[in-house]
Amino acid sequence: MKQENMTTSSTAFLEGDDRRVEDLVPLRTRRRGEGEESDPSLDTSGVSCEEFGRSPSSCGSYSSTRKNLKMSNAAKTPETGGAVILGSGDFGRALSLRLTQTGHPVPIASRNPDRNRKLVEGFGGTIGSYEEVLPKSRIVILAVPHGCHQDLPANLLADKILVDVSNRNPEEKAQTKSIAERLQETLPECRVVKALNNLSAYALENGAIQASKEVPICGDDPEARAAVAQLVRDLTFQPVDRGGLAGASQLEDQTLRFFSEEWKFSFKITVGLFVFIWVFFIFRIQLCKSLTGDKWHVDHFRKIPLTNSQLTFGCVAIIELALCYLPGVIAAYLQLWRGTKYSRFPDWLDLWLRSRKQLGLTMFFLASMHGCMAILDRMNLKFQYEWDDQLYLATGALALGLLVILAVTSLPSVAASMSWMEFTFVQSKLGWVTLLTAFFHVFFLGWPAIVNIRFRCYILVGGNQLSIFIPFLTILLKLPLLIPYVDKKLTLIRRGHERKTATPPAVLV
């Protein structure tokens, strides 16, 4: 069965690559086709093969063949045919460069083409005036500030598809209508599509974009959306249809978002736990010794930068690791109680579930800091490697290694290359193994103190007890869900089955 699953996922991965290659074959054939008429607007005879990253031997007559490209030929297909970029600024040039690199060169229309002609022709692009380029176009990408939309040549843009790539300024966020909707009102004879506004000139020029990056698209005309979607694919991105132009406001707001609600939730949890546990260790390690009769000495406070810090980082890390899995356990009990998966979770639990990735990434940072600082702290001690000490170090190193796997596989570029079964196994099964490993890492550090609690200042428990409570509670709540009968019931509910006496969703929202 394992071998079969590996074969299936490998085949799916290879099929995905084959489809991408097949998508490029017709484009390569058209680009090198013979007998096509020459288009003066696309003359790049002065550009060498080396400028395209090709050797003369592998390129052959590449430069001369490029002169045979013409936009009208591409316009016969629903691809980037008849597309032009209006504006020769940073974004316009970066977009033209990207399209040229992917084998879909489009001309740039500019009010002053001579100003940036050398820059554009330097990477193999072409540039011309509005009157020279726009009449040949079908799709016009408006790579100009939205404040210039009023000055666009309306007579040359009639009946064309306009791609609005602009974003609002922070002070414009409160406006009711989006830039794209206002553009549609300004140019009613055009078909406006909002797209490409989540891409930056820097990323386009330097190729620092994941191959699986999604580009949302919205517009009222389905044909226009389909044409722009093909343009996005030609840029090697994945288009996401967001429906009508009314959704443009949401796309523009996304670029102004300064940390999502999930990140803010994660930061609040992290800062709150860190401050509480930091103060806790100040009292337990430094202050309690003096308050309970020990001689006050400044040496007690010299441990704060390293010893206190590494203990705080470690405690917060293991608590946050448990908090990544505790909401899923709570959600499972709610689904079992309600007998359905269609009843909405409470808002606090819904936010908690959505914030698990952010909690996991902050936890990984804290665990890494704890590991590094703990090594430096141990270097100052005469450490006797008894059996429990060795298990403490071994489980800590293993837990950190597993956290690296969890953190890396959470990246979109890595997750996109994994099947759903593989991703679920790593993030769920391997994640629980990581939590168990971290739990035993803390347990072996001071298991006698966990069994026999020793208070400081009469009320303060040990750091081990403090950090191990929530992980222990999470593991304890998970165990009943592993019972085959309960697991079967939960699996059926998550597949859409409903208990006949399921609690109505409206009652529990």
Protein backbone atom coordinates (compact mmCIF):
# COMPACT_ATOMS: atom_id res chain seq x y z
CA MET A 1 0.00 0.00 0.00
CA LYS A 2 2.82 2.38 0.83
CA GLN A 3 4.51 1.70 -2.48
CA GLU A 4 1.21 2.18 -4.29
CA ASN A 5 0.65 5.56 -2.66
CA MET A 6 4.17 6.65 -3.51
CA THR A 7 3.65 5.65 -7.11
CA THR A 8 0.33 7.44 -7.33
CA SER A 9 1.64 10.71 -5.90
CA SER A 10 4.76 10.50 -8.04
CA THR A 11 2.65 9.95 -11.14
CA ALA A 12 0.45 12.90 -10.25
CA PHE A 13 3.51 15.07 -9.80
CA LEU A 14 4.96 14.02 -13.14
CA GLU A 15 1.63 14.49 -14.87
CA GLY A 16 1.54 18.03 -13.50
CA ASP A 17 4.97 18.67 -15.03
CA ASP A 18 3.88 17.11 -18.34
CA ARG A 19 0.92 19.42 -18.53
CA ARG A 20 3.12 22.45 -17.99
CA VAL A 21 5.48 21.28 -20.71
CA GLU A 22 2.62 20.62 -23.12
CA ASP A 23 1.31 24.12 -22.48
CA LEU A 24 4.63 25.51 -23.67
CA VAL A 25 5.03 23.38 -26.80
CA PRO A 26 2.47 25.20 -28.98
CA LEU A 27 3.89 28.54 -27.86
CA ARG A 28 7.40 27.48 -28.77
CA THR A 29 6.15 26.20 -32.13
CA ARG A 30 4.35 29.44 -32.91
CA ARG A 31 7.34 31.50 -31.84
CA ARG A 32 9.67 29.64 -34.18
CA GLY A 33 7.10 29.25 -36.96
CA GLU A 34 8.19 30.07 -40.46
CA GLY A 35 6.44 31.96 -43.18
CA GLU A 36 4.87 34.53 -40.85
CA GLU A 37 4.72 38.17 -41.78
CA SER A 38 7.06 40.60 -40.10
CA ASP A 39 5.72 43.19 -37.67
CA PRO A 40 7.88 46.34 -37.46
CA SER A 41 6.64 47.05 -33.94
CA LEU A 42 8.30 43.87 -32.74
CA ASP A 43 11.64 44.24 -34.50
CA THR A 44 14.40 43.11 -32.13
CA SER A 45 17.13 42.45 -34.61
CA GLY A 46 19.56 44.46 -32.54
CA VAL A 47 19.22 42.13 -29.54
CA SER A 48 21.77 39.36 -29.14
CA CYS A 49 21.09 35.81 -28.01
CA GLU A 50 23.24 36.35 -24.93
CA GLU A 51 20.82 39.02 -23.71
CA PHE A 52 18.13 36.34 -23.54
CA GLY A 53 20.36 33.99 -21.55
CA ARG A 54 21.02 31.76 -24.59
CA SER A 55 24.24 30.75 -26.21
CA PRO A 56 24.60 31.49 -29.94
CA SER A 57 24.94 27.79 -30.69
CA SER A 58 21.68 26.88 -28.99
CA CYS A 59 19.90 29.96 -30.20
CA GLY A 60 20.58 29.70 -33.90
CA SER A 61 18.58 32.28 -35.79
CA TYR A 62 16.62 33.22 -32.68
CA SER A 63 16.97 36.98 -33.16
CA SER A 64 15.89 36.88 -36.78
CA THR A 65 13.03 34.54 -35.96
CA ARG A 66 11.73 36.94 -33.32
CA LYS A 67 11.17 39.51 -36.06
CA ASN A 68 8.58 37.18 -37.52
CA LEU A 69 6.42 37.50 -34.41
CA LYS A 70 3.29 39.54 -34.86
CA MET A 71 0.61 40.42 -32.37
CA SER A 72 -2.23 39.70 -34.76
CA ASN A 73 -1.14 36.08 -34.99
CA ALA A 74 -1.37 35.70 -31.18
CA ALA A 75 -4.73 37.45 -31.25
CA LYS A 76 -6.19 34.45 -33.09
CA THR A 77 -6.03 32.54 -29.79
CA PRO A 78 -7.41 33.47 -26.35
CA GLU A 79 -3.89 33.94 -25.05
CA THR A 80 -1.94 37.20 -24.75
CA GLY A 81 -2.89 38.09 -28.30
CA GLY A 82 -3.10 41.80 -28.96
CA ALA A 83 -1.89 42.68 -25.47
CA VAL A 84 0.08 45.86 -24.83
CA ILE A 85 1.36 47.59 -21.70
CA LEU A 86 0.41 51.23 -21.31
CA GLY A 87 3.13 52.89 -19.28
CA SER A 88 6.91 52.54 -19.31
CA GLY A 89 7.52 53.00 -15.59
CA ASP A 90 9.05 50.45 -13.24
CA PHE A 91 6.06 48.10 -13.21
CA GLY A 92 5.42 48.37 -16.94
CA ARG A 93 9.03 47.55 -17.79
CA ALA A 94 9.15 44.71 -15.24
CA LEU A 95 5.97 43.20 -16.67
CA SER A 96 7.30 43.47 -20.20
CA LEU A 97 10.55 41.82 -19.12
CA ARG A 98 8.66 38.94 -17.49
CA LEU A 99 6.52 38.36 -20.60
CA THR A 100 9.60 38.50 -22.81
CA GLN A 101 11.39 35.95 -20.65
CA THR A 102 8.42 33.57 -20.85
CA GLY A 103 8.28 33.86 -24.64
CA HIS A 104 5.29 36.21 -24.89
CA PRO A 105 6.74 39.65 -25.69
CA VAL A 106 4.26 42.52 -25.82
CA PRO A 107 4.96 46.14 -26.80
CA ILE A 108 4.85 49.08 -24.43
CA ALA A 109 2.83 52.20 -25.24
CA SER A 110 4.19 55.44 -23.79
CA ARG A 111 3.51 59.16 -24.07
CA ASN A 112 7.26 59.68 -24.40
CA PRO A 113 8.71 56.46 -25.84
CA ASP A 114 12.20 57.90 -26.33
CA ARG A 115 12.70 58.44 -22.60
CA ASN A 116 12.90 54.72 -21.72
CA ARG A 117 13.61 53.26 -25.15
CA LYS A 118 17.13 52.08 -24.27
CA LEU A 119 15.94 50.38 -21.08
CA VAL A 120 13.12 48.55 -22.86
CA GLU A 121 15.12 47.52 -25.90
CA GLY A 122 17.95 46.42 -23.60
CA PHE A 123 15.97 43.33 -22.50
CA GLY A 124 14.42 42.67 -25.91
CA GLY A 125 11.20 44.65 -25.56
CA THR A 126 9.64 47.16 -27.90
CA ILE A 127 8.16 50.57 -27.17
CA GLY A 128 6.15 53.06 -29.18
CA SER A 129 3.73 55.94 -28.86
CA TYR A 130 0.05 55.57 -28.04
CA GLU A 131 -0.91 56.11 -31.67
CA GLU A 132 1.59 53.48 -32.88
CA VAL A 133 0.83 50.69 -30.43
CA LEU A 134 -2.71 50.98 -29.02
CA PRO A 135 -4.68 50.54 -32.28
CA LYS A 136 -3.17 47.04 -32.67
CA SER A 137 -4.13 45.98 -29.17
CA ARG A 138 -6.92 43.87 -27.75
CA ILE A 139 -5.84 43.87 -24.09
CA VAL A 140 -4.32 46.99 -22.52
CA ILE A 141 -2.52 46.64 -19.20
CA LEU A 142 -2.69 50.02 -17.47
CA ALA A 143 0.70 50.24 -15.76
CA VAL A 144 0.20 53.89 -14.74
CA PRO A 145 -0.79 55.48 -11.41
CA HIS A 146 -4.55 55.54 -10.95
CA GLY A 147 -4.37 59.31 -10.63
CA CYS A 148 -3.60 59.39 -14.36
CA HIS A 149 -6.71 57.45 -15.40
CA GLN A 150 -8.53 60.67 -16.23
CA ASP A 151 -5.87 61.51 -18.82
CA LEU A 152 -6.03 58.19 -20.71
CA PRO A 153 -6.64 58.39 -24.50
CA ALA A 154 -10.28 57.28 -24.45
CA ASN A 155 -10.58 57.35 -28.24
CA LEU A 156 -7.80 54.76 -28.57
CA LEU A 157 -9.12 52.49 -25.80
CA ALA A 158 -12.71 52.02 -26.93
CA ASP A 159 -13.94 48.39 -27.00
CA LYS A 160 -10.71 47.11 -25.45
CA ILE A 161 -10.07 45.03 -22.34
CA LEU A 162 -8.42 47.23 -19.71
CA VAL A 163 -6.40 45.51 -16.99
CA ASP A 164 -6.25 47.73 -13.90
CA VAL A 165 -3.14 46.87 -11.85
CA SER A 166 -3.23 49.88 -9.50
CA ASN A 167 -3.69 49.87 -5.74
CA ARG A 168 -5.14 52.37 -3.34
CA ASN A 169 -3.08 54.57 -1.09
CA PRO A 170 -3.60 54.00 2.66
CA GLU A 171 -5.63 57.21 2.99
CA GLU A 172 -8.00 56.04 0.22
CA LYS A 173 -9.03 52.82 1.93
CA ALA A 174 -12.25 54.27 3.29
CA GLN A 175 -13.65 55.03 -0.17
CA THR A 176 -16.74 53.04 -1.11
CA LYS A 177 -15.87 52.37 -4.76
CA SER A 178 -12.73 50.67 -5.95
CA ILE A 179 -10.31 52.16 -8.46
CA ALA A 180 -11.42 49.60 -11.05
CA GLU A 181 -15.10 50.52 -10.62
CA ARG A 182 -14.33 54.21 -11.00
CA LEU A 183 -12.25 53.42 -14.10
CA GLN A 184 -15.21 51.54 -15.59
CA GLU A 185 -17.41 54.60 -15.02
CA THR A 186 -14.78 56.84 -16.63
CA LEU A 187 -14.42 54.57 -19.69
CA PRO A 188 -17.82 52.86 -20.11
CA GLU A 189 -17.00 51.61 -23.62
CA CYS A 190 -14.17 49.44 -22.25
CA ARG A 191 -14.26 46.18 -20.32
CA VAL A 192 -12.30 46.67 -17.09
CA VAL A 193 -10.69 43.72 -15.32
CA LYS A 194 -8.87 43.98 -11.98
CA ALA A 195 -5.73 41.83 -11.93
CA LEU A 196 -1.97 41.75 -11.29
CA ASN A 197 -2.23 44.28 -8.44
CA ASN A 198 -0.68 41.79 -5.99
CA LEU A 199 2.59 41.63 -7.98
CA SER A 200 5.50 44.01 -7.50
CA ALA A 201 8.02 45.34 -10.00
CA TYR A 202 10.92 44.14 -7.87
CA ALA A 203 9.65 40.58 -7.72
CA LEU A 204 8.92 40.50 -11.46
CA GLU A 205 12.39 41.76 -12.36
CA ASN A 206 14.26 39.46 -10.00
CA GLY A 207 12.13 36.37 -10.46
CA ALA A 208 11.57 36.19 -6.68
CA ILE A 209 8.07 34.77 -7.07
CA GLN A 210 6.89 31.26 -6.39
CA ALA A 211 5.77 29.40 -9.47
CA SER A 212 2.45 28.62 -7.76
CA LYS A 213 1.63 32.24 -6.83
CA GLU A 214 -2.04 33.00 -7.26
CA VAL A 215 -3.26 36.13 -9.02
CA PRO A 216 -6.90 37.03 -8.28
CA ILE A 217 -8.98 38.39 -11.17
CA CYS A 218 -12.37 40.09 -11.16
CA GLY A 219 -14.43 41.75 -13.88
CA ASP A 220 -18.02 41.93 -15.08
CA ASP A 221 -17.32 40.47 -18.55
CA PRO A 222 -16.64 36.69 -18.53
CA GLU A 223 -14.82 36.79 -21.87
CA ALA A 224 -12.54 39.56 -20.65
CA ARG A 225 -11.79 37.64 -17.46
CA ALA A 226 -10.91 34.56 -19.51
CA ALA A 227 -8.54 36.55 -21.71
CA VAL A 228 -6.78 38.09 -18.71
CA ALA A 229 -6.61 34.67 -17.04
CA GLN A 230 -4.63 33.38 -20.02
CA LEU A 231 -2.35 36.40 -19.75
CA VAL A 232 -1.71 35.48 -16.10
CA ARG A 233 -0.88 31.90 -17.12
CA ASP A 234 1.55 33.20 -19.71
CA LEU A 235 3.28 34.99 -16.83
CA THR A 236 3.58 31.50 -15.20
CA PHE A 237 1.14 32.37 -12.42
CA GLN A 238 -2.15 30.80 -11.40
CA PRO A 239 -5.29 32.91 -12.04
CA VAL A 240 -8.10 32.85 -9.48
CA ASP A 241 -11.52 34.02 -10.69
CA ARG A 242 -13.11 36.32 -8.08
CA GLY A 243 -16.26 37.11 -10.07
CA GLY A 244 -17.58 40.57 -10.87
CA LEU A 245 -15.90 43.94 -10.58
CA ALA A 246 -17.62 44.54 -7.24
CA GLY A 247 -14.91 42.36 -5.71
CA ALA A 248 -12.15 44.75 -6.77
CA SER A 249 -12.36 46.60 -3.44
CA GLN A 250 -11.35 43.45 -1.60
CA LEU A 251 -8.38 42.88 -3.92
CA GLU A 252 -7.20 46.46 -3.43
CA ASP A 253 -7.62 46.24 0.35
CA GLN A 254 -5.46 43.12 0.52
CA THR A 255 -2.36 45.07 -0.47
CA LEU A 256 -2.97 47.55 2.36
CA ARG A 257 -3.36 44.86 4.99
CA PHE A 258 -0.65 45.14 7.63
CA PHE A 259 -0.56 41.69 9.18
CA SER A 260 -3.73 39.64 8.98
CA GLU A 261 -6.12 38.94 11.82
CA GLU A 262 -4.46 35.55 12.24
CA TRP A 263 -1.00 37.09 12.66
CA LYS A 264 -2.32 39.62 15.17
CA PHE A 265 -3.91 36.80 17.17
CA SER A 266 -0.64 34.87 17.12
CA PHE A 267 1.39 37.92 18.20
CA LYS A 268 -0.98 38.67 21.10
CA ILE A 269 -0.77 35.08 22.35
CA THR A 270 3.02 35.04 22.00
CA VAL A 271 3.64 38.39 23.68
CA GLY A 272 1.19 37.64 26.48
CA LEU A 273 2.73 34.25 27.24
CA PHE A 274 6.28 35.57 26.95
CA VAL A 275 5.73 38.48 29.36
CA PHE A 276 3.89 36.30 31.88
CA ILE A 277 6.49 33.52 31.88
CA TRP A 278 9.41 36.00 31.88
CA VAL A 279 8.04 37.67 35.02
CA PHE A 280 7.33 34.23 36.48
CA PHE A 281 10.99 33.19 36.14
CA ILE A 282 12.20 36.52 37.53
CA PHE A 283 10.26 35.82 40.71
CA ARG A 284 11.11 32.13 40.89
CA ILE A 285 14.83 32.26 40.07
CA GLN A 286 15.89 35.70 41.32
CA LEU A 287 13.42 37.30 43.73
CA CYS A 288 12.11 34.31 45.68
CA LYS A 289 15.58 33.42 46.95
CA SER A 290 15.72 36.73 48.78
CA LEU A 291 12.08 36.82 49.81
CA THR A 292 12.28 33.39 51.46
CA GLY A 293 15.39 34.09 53.54
CA ASP A 294 18.34 33.50 51.21
CA LYS A 295 21.01 36.18 51.17
CA TRP A 296 20.41 38.83 48.56
CA HIS A 297 23.15 38.73 45.95
CA VAL A 298 23.57 40.49 42.63
CA ASP A 299 24.87 37.28 41.03
CA HIS A 300 21.33 35.96 40.99
CA PHE A 301 20.40 38.59 38.41
CA ARG A 302 23.29 37.81 36.07
CA LYS A 303 21.36 34.79 34.83
CA ILE A 304 18.52 36.89 33.40
CA PRO A 305 19.93 37.51 29.87
CA LEU A 306 20.76 33.86 29.10
CA THR A 307 19.28 31.37 31.58
CA ASN A 308 15.96 33.16 32.08
CA SER A 309 15.64 33.87 28.38
CA GLN A 310 16.25 30.32 27.18
CA LEU A 311 13.81 28.95 29.78
CA THR A 312 11.17 31.49 28.72
CA PHE A 313 11.66 30.74 25.02
CA GLY A 314 11.36 27.03 25.70
CA CYS A 315 8.23 27.29 27.84
CA VAL A 316 6.40 29.55 25.39
CA ALA A 317 7.44 27.35 22.44
CA ILE A 318 6.04 24.12 23.86
CA ILE A 319 2.85 25.84 25.01
CA GLU A 320 2.31 27.31 21.53
CA LEU A 321 3.01 23.92 19.96
CA ALA A 322 0.18 22.50 22.07
CA LEU A 323 -2.02 25.49 21.12
CA CYS A 324 -1.58 24.51 17.45
CA TYR A 325 -3.33 21.17 18.09
CA LEU A 326 -5.67 21.95 20.97
CA PRO A 327 -8.27 23.83 18.82
CA GLY A 328 -8.53 20.85 16.47
CA VAL A 329 -9.27 18.60 19.45
CA ILE A 330 -11.90 21.04 20.76
CA ALA A 331 -13.46 21.23 17.28
CA ALA A 332 -13.60 17.43 17.13
CA TYR A 333 -15.51 17.24 20.42
CA LEU A 334 -17.93 19.93 19.18
CA GLN A 335 -18.58 18.00 15.98
CA LEU A 336 -19.16 14.79 17.91
CA TRP A 337 -21.57 16.59 20.23
CA ARG A 338 -23.47 18.30 17.41
CA GLY A 339 -23.37 15.26 15.12
CA THR A 340 -22.63 17.38 12.05
CA LYS A 341 -19.81 19.32 10.44
CA TYR A 342 -22.12 21.98 8.98
CA SER A 343 -22.72 23.79 12.26
CA ARG A 344 -20.45 26.83 12.44
CA PHE A 345 -17.84 27.01 15.19
CA PRO A 346 -17.89 29.92 17.65
CA ASP A 347 -15.96 32.97 16.41
CA TRP A 348 -13.16 32.55 18.96
CA LEU A 349 -12.59 28.94 17.93
CA ASP A 350 -12.83 29.78 14.24
CA LEU A 351 -10.12 32.45 14.61
CA TRP A 352 -7.99 30.06 16.68
CA LEU A 353 -8.25 27.36 14.00
CA ARG A 354 -7.30 29.82 11.25
CA SER A 355 -4.30 31.05 13.26
CA ARG A 356 -2.61 27.67 13.70
CA LYS A 357 -0.09 28.23 10.92
CA GLN A 358 0.94 31.60 12.36
CA LEU A 359 1.19 30.11 15.85
CA GLY A 360 3.33 27.31 14.45
CA LEU A 361 5.77 29.67 12.74
CA THR A 362 6.20 31.86 15.83
CA MET A 363 6.62 28.68 17.88
CA PHE A 364 9.37 27.52 15.51
CA PHE A 365 11.23 30.80 16.03
CA LEU A 366 10.92 30.51 19.81
CA ALA A 367 12.06 26.87 19.79
CA SER A 368 15.09 27.74 17.66
CA MET A 369 16.06 30.53 20.05
CA HIS A 370 15.61 28.19 23.01
CA GLY A 371 17.83 25.54 21.40
CA CYS A 372 20.66 27.93 20.61
CA MET A 373 20.57 29.70 23.97
CA ALA A 374 20.29 26.42 25.90
CA ILE A 375 23.53 25.19 24.29
CA LEU A 376 25.33 28.36 25.36
CA ASP A 377 23.82 28.11 28.84
CA ARG A 378 24.94 24.49 29.26
CA MET A 379 28.47 25.38 28.24
CA ASN A 380 28.79 27.29 31.52
CA LEU A 381 27.70 24.32 33.65
CA LYS A 382 29.38 21.11 34.74
CA PHE A 383 26.71 18.92 33.23
CA GLN A 384 26.58 15.27 34.29
CA TYR A 385 25.16 13.17 31.48
CA GLU A 386 22.96 10.72 33.36
CA TRP A 387 20.34 8.66 31.54
CA ASP A 388 17.61 11.27 31.95
CA ASP A 389 20.00 14.05 30.87
CA GLN A 390 20.82 12.16 27.68
CA LEU A 391 17.13 11.60 26.96
CA TYR A 392 16.48 15.28 27.60
CA LEU A 393 19.08 16.34 25.01
CA ALA A 394 18.11 13.63 22.51
CA THR A 395 14.38 14.42 22.58
CA GLY A 396 15.12 18.16 22.37
CA ALA A 397 17.27 17.72 19.26
CA LEU A 398 14.68 15.40 17.70
CA ALA A 399 11.85 17.83 18.44
CA LEU A 400 13.73 20.72 16.86
CA GLY A 401 14.44 18.62 13.75
CA LEU A 402 10.76 17.71 13.44
CA LEU A 403 9.80 21.36 13.85
CA VAL A 404 12.03 22.20 10.89
CA ILE A 405 10.07 19.72 8.77
CA LEU A 406 6.73 21.15 9.89
CA ALA A 407 7.86 24.73 9.22
CA VAL A 408 9.27 23.98 5.77
CA THR A 409 6.24 21.99 4.61
CA SER A 410 3.94 24.86 5.64
CA LEU A 411 5.48 27.04 2.93
CA PRO A 412 3.11 27.29 -0.08
CA SER A 413 5.84 26.45 -2.59
CA VAL A 414 6.61 23.19 -0.73
CA ALA A 415 3.00 22.32 0.08
CA ALA A 416 2.05 22.72 -3.59
CA SER A 417 4.40 19.86 -4.52
CA MET A 418 2.83 17.48 -1.98
CA SER A 419 -0.32 15.42 -2.28
CA TRP A 420 -3.12 15.97 0.22
CA MET A 421 -2.29 12.68 1.95
CA GLU A 422 1.37 13.64 2.28
CA PHE A 423 0.59 17.11 3.61
CA THR A 424 -1.95 15.74 6.12
CA PHE A 425 0.51 13.11 7.32
CA VAL A 426 3.25 15.67 7.95
CA GLN A 427 1.12 18.40 9.53
CA SER A 428 -1.14 16.10 11.55
CA LYS A 429 0.50 12.75 12.31
CA LEU A 430 4.06 14.02 12.40
CA GLY A 431 2.89 17.12 14.25
CA TRP A 432 1.48 15.06 17.09
CA VAL A 433 4.72 13.07 17.24
CA THR A 434 6.54 16.40 17.56
CA LEU A 435 4.29 17.46 20.44
CA LEU A 436 4.91 14.14 22.23
CA THR A 437 8.66 14.48 21.68
CA ALA A 438 8.68 18.02 23.07
CA PHE A 439 6.58 16.85 26.02
CA PHE A 440 9.13 14.18 26.95
CA HIS A 441 11.94 16.68 26.36
CA VAL A 442 10.55 18.79 29.21
CA PHE A 443 9.65 15.72 31.28
CA PHE A 444 13.18 14.30 31.24
CA LEU A 445 14.65 17.69 32.11
CA GLY A 446 13.26 17.51 35.63
CA TRP A 447 10.93 14.57 36.08
CA PRO A 448 11.51 14.32 39.87
CA ALA A 449 10.34 17.93 40.23
CA ILE A 450 7.28 17.22 38.08
CA VAL A 451 6.28 14.28 40.24
CA ASN A 452 7.14 16.04 43.52
CA ILE A 453 6.14 19.67 43.08
CA ARG A 454 8.36 22.15 44.91
CA PHE A 455 6.89 25.60 45.37
CA ARG A 456 8.79 28.87 45.50
CA CYS A 457 7.38 31.83 47.35
CA TYR A 458 4.72 29.38 48.58
CA ILE A 459 2.63 29.59 45.37
CA LEU A 460 4.99 29.43 42.37
CA VAL A 461 5.30 26.00 40.79
CA GLY A 462 8.38 24.93 38.85
CA GLY A 463 9.02 25.94 35.27
CA ASN A 464 8.55 22.34 34.15
CA GLN A 465 5.07 22.13 35.61
CA LEU A 466 4.13 25.49 34.10
CA SER A 467 5.26 24.60 30.58
CA ILE A 468 4.00 21.02 30.54
CA PHE A 469 0.41 21.60 31.70
CA ILE A 470 -1.22 22.67 28.40
CA PRO A 471 0.68 20.08 26.29
CA PHE A 472 -0.34 17.38 28.79
CA LEU A 473 -3.97 18.54 28.66
CA THR A 474 -3.93 18.54 24.85
CA ILE A 475 -2.52 15.00 24.67
CA LEU A 476 -4.98 13.82 27.32
CA LEU A 477 -7.94 15.21 25.34
CA LYS A 478 -6.63 13.62 22.13
CA LEU A 479 -6.51 10.08 23.54
CA PRO A 480 -10.32 9.44 23.57
CA LEU A 481 -10.48 10.53 19.92
CA LEU A 482 -8.10 7.69 19.02
CA ILE A 483 -10.57 5.03 20.19
CA PRO A 484 -11.65 3.23 16.98
CA TYR A 485 -15.39 3.71 17.60
CA VAL A 486 -14.99 7.45 18.27
CA ASP A 487 -12.56 7.89 15.39
CA LYS A 488 -14.99 6.20 12.99
CA LYS A 489 -17.86 8.44 14.10
CA LEU A 490 -15.73 11.57 13.74
CA THR A 491 -14.52 10.50 10.29
CA LEU A 492 -18.11 9.99 9.07
CA ILE A 493 -19.13 13.41 10.38
CA ARG A 494 -16.20 15.10 8.62
CA ARG A 495 -17.20 13.36 5.39
CA GLY A 496 -20.61 14.98 5.52
CA HIS A 497 -22.72 12.42 7.40
CA GLU A 498 -25.15 13.87 9.92
CA ARG A 499 -26.69 12.31 12.97
CA LYS A 500 -30.47 12.27 12.77
CA THR A 501 -30.71 14.18 16.04
CA ALA A 502 -27.98 16.66 15.08
CA THR A 503 -28.23 19.98 16.89
CA PRO A 504 -29.43 22.72 14.51
CA PRO A 505 -26.56 25.07 13.53
CA ALA A 506 -28.54 28.18 14.47
CA VAL A 507 -28.77 27.06 18.10
CA LEU A 508 -25.02 26.80 18.63
CA VAL A 509 -23.53 29.57 16.55
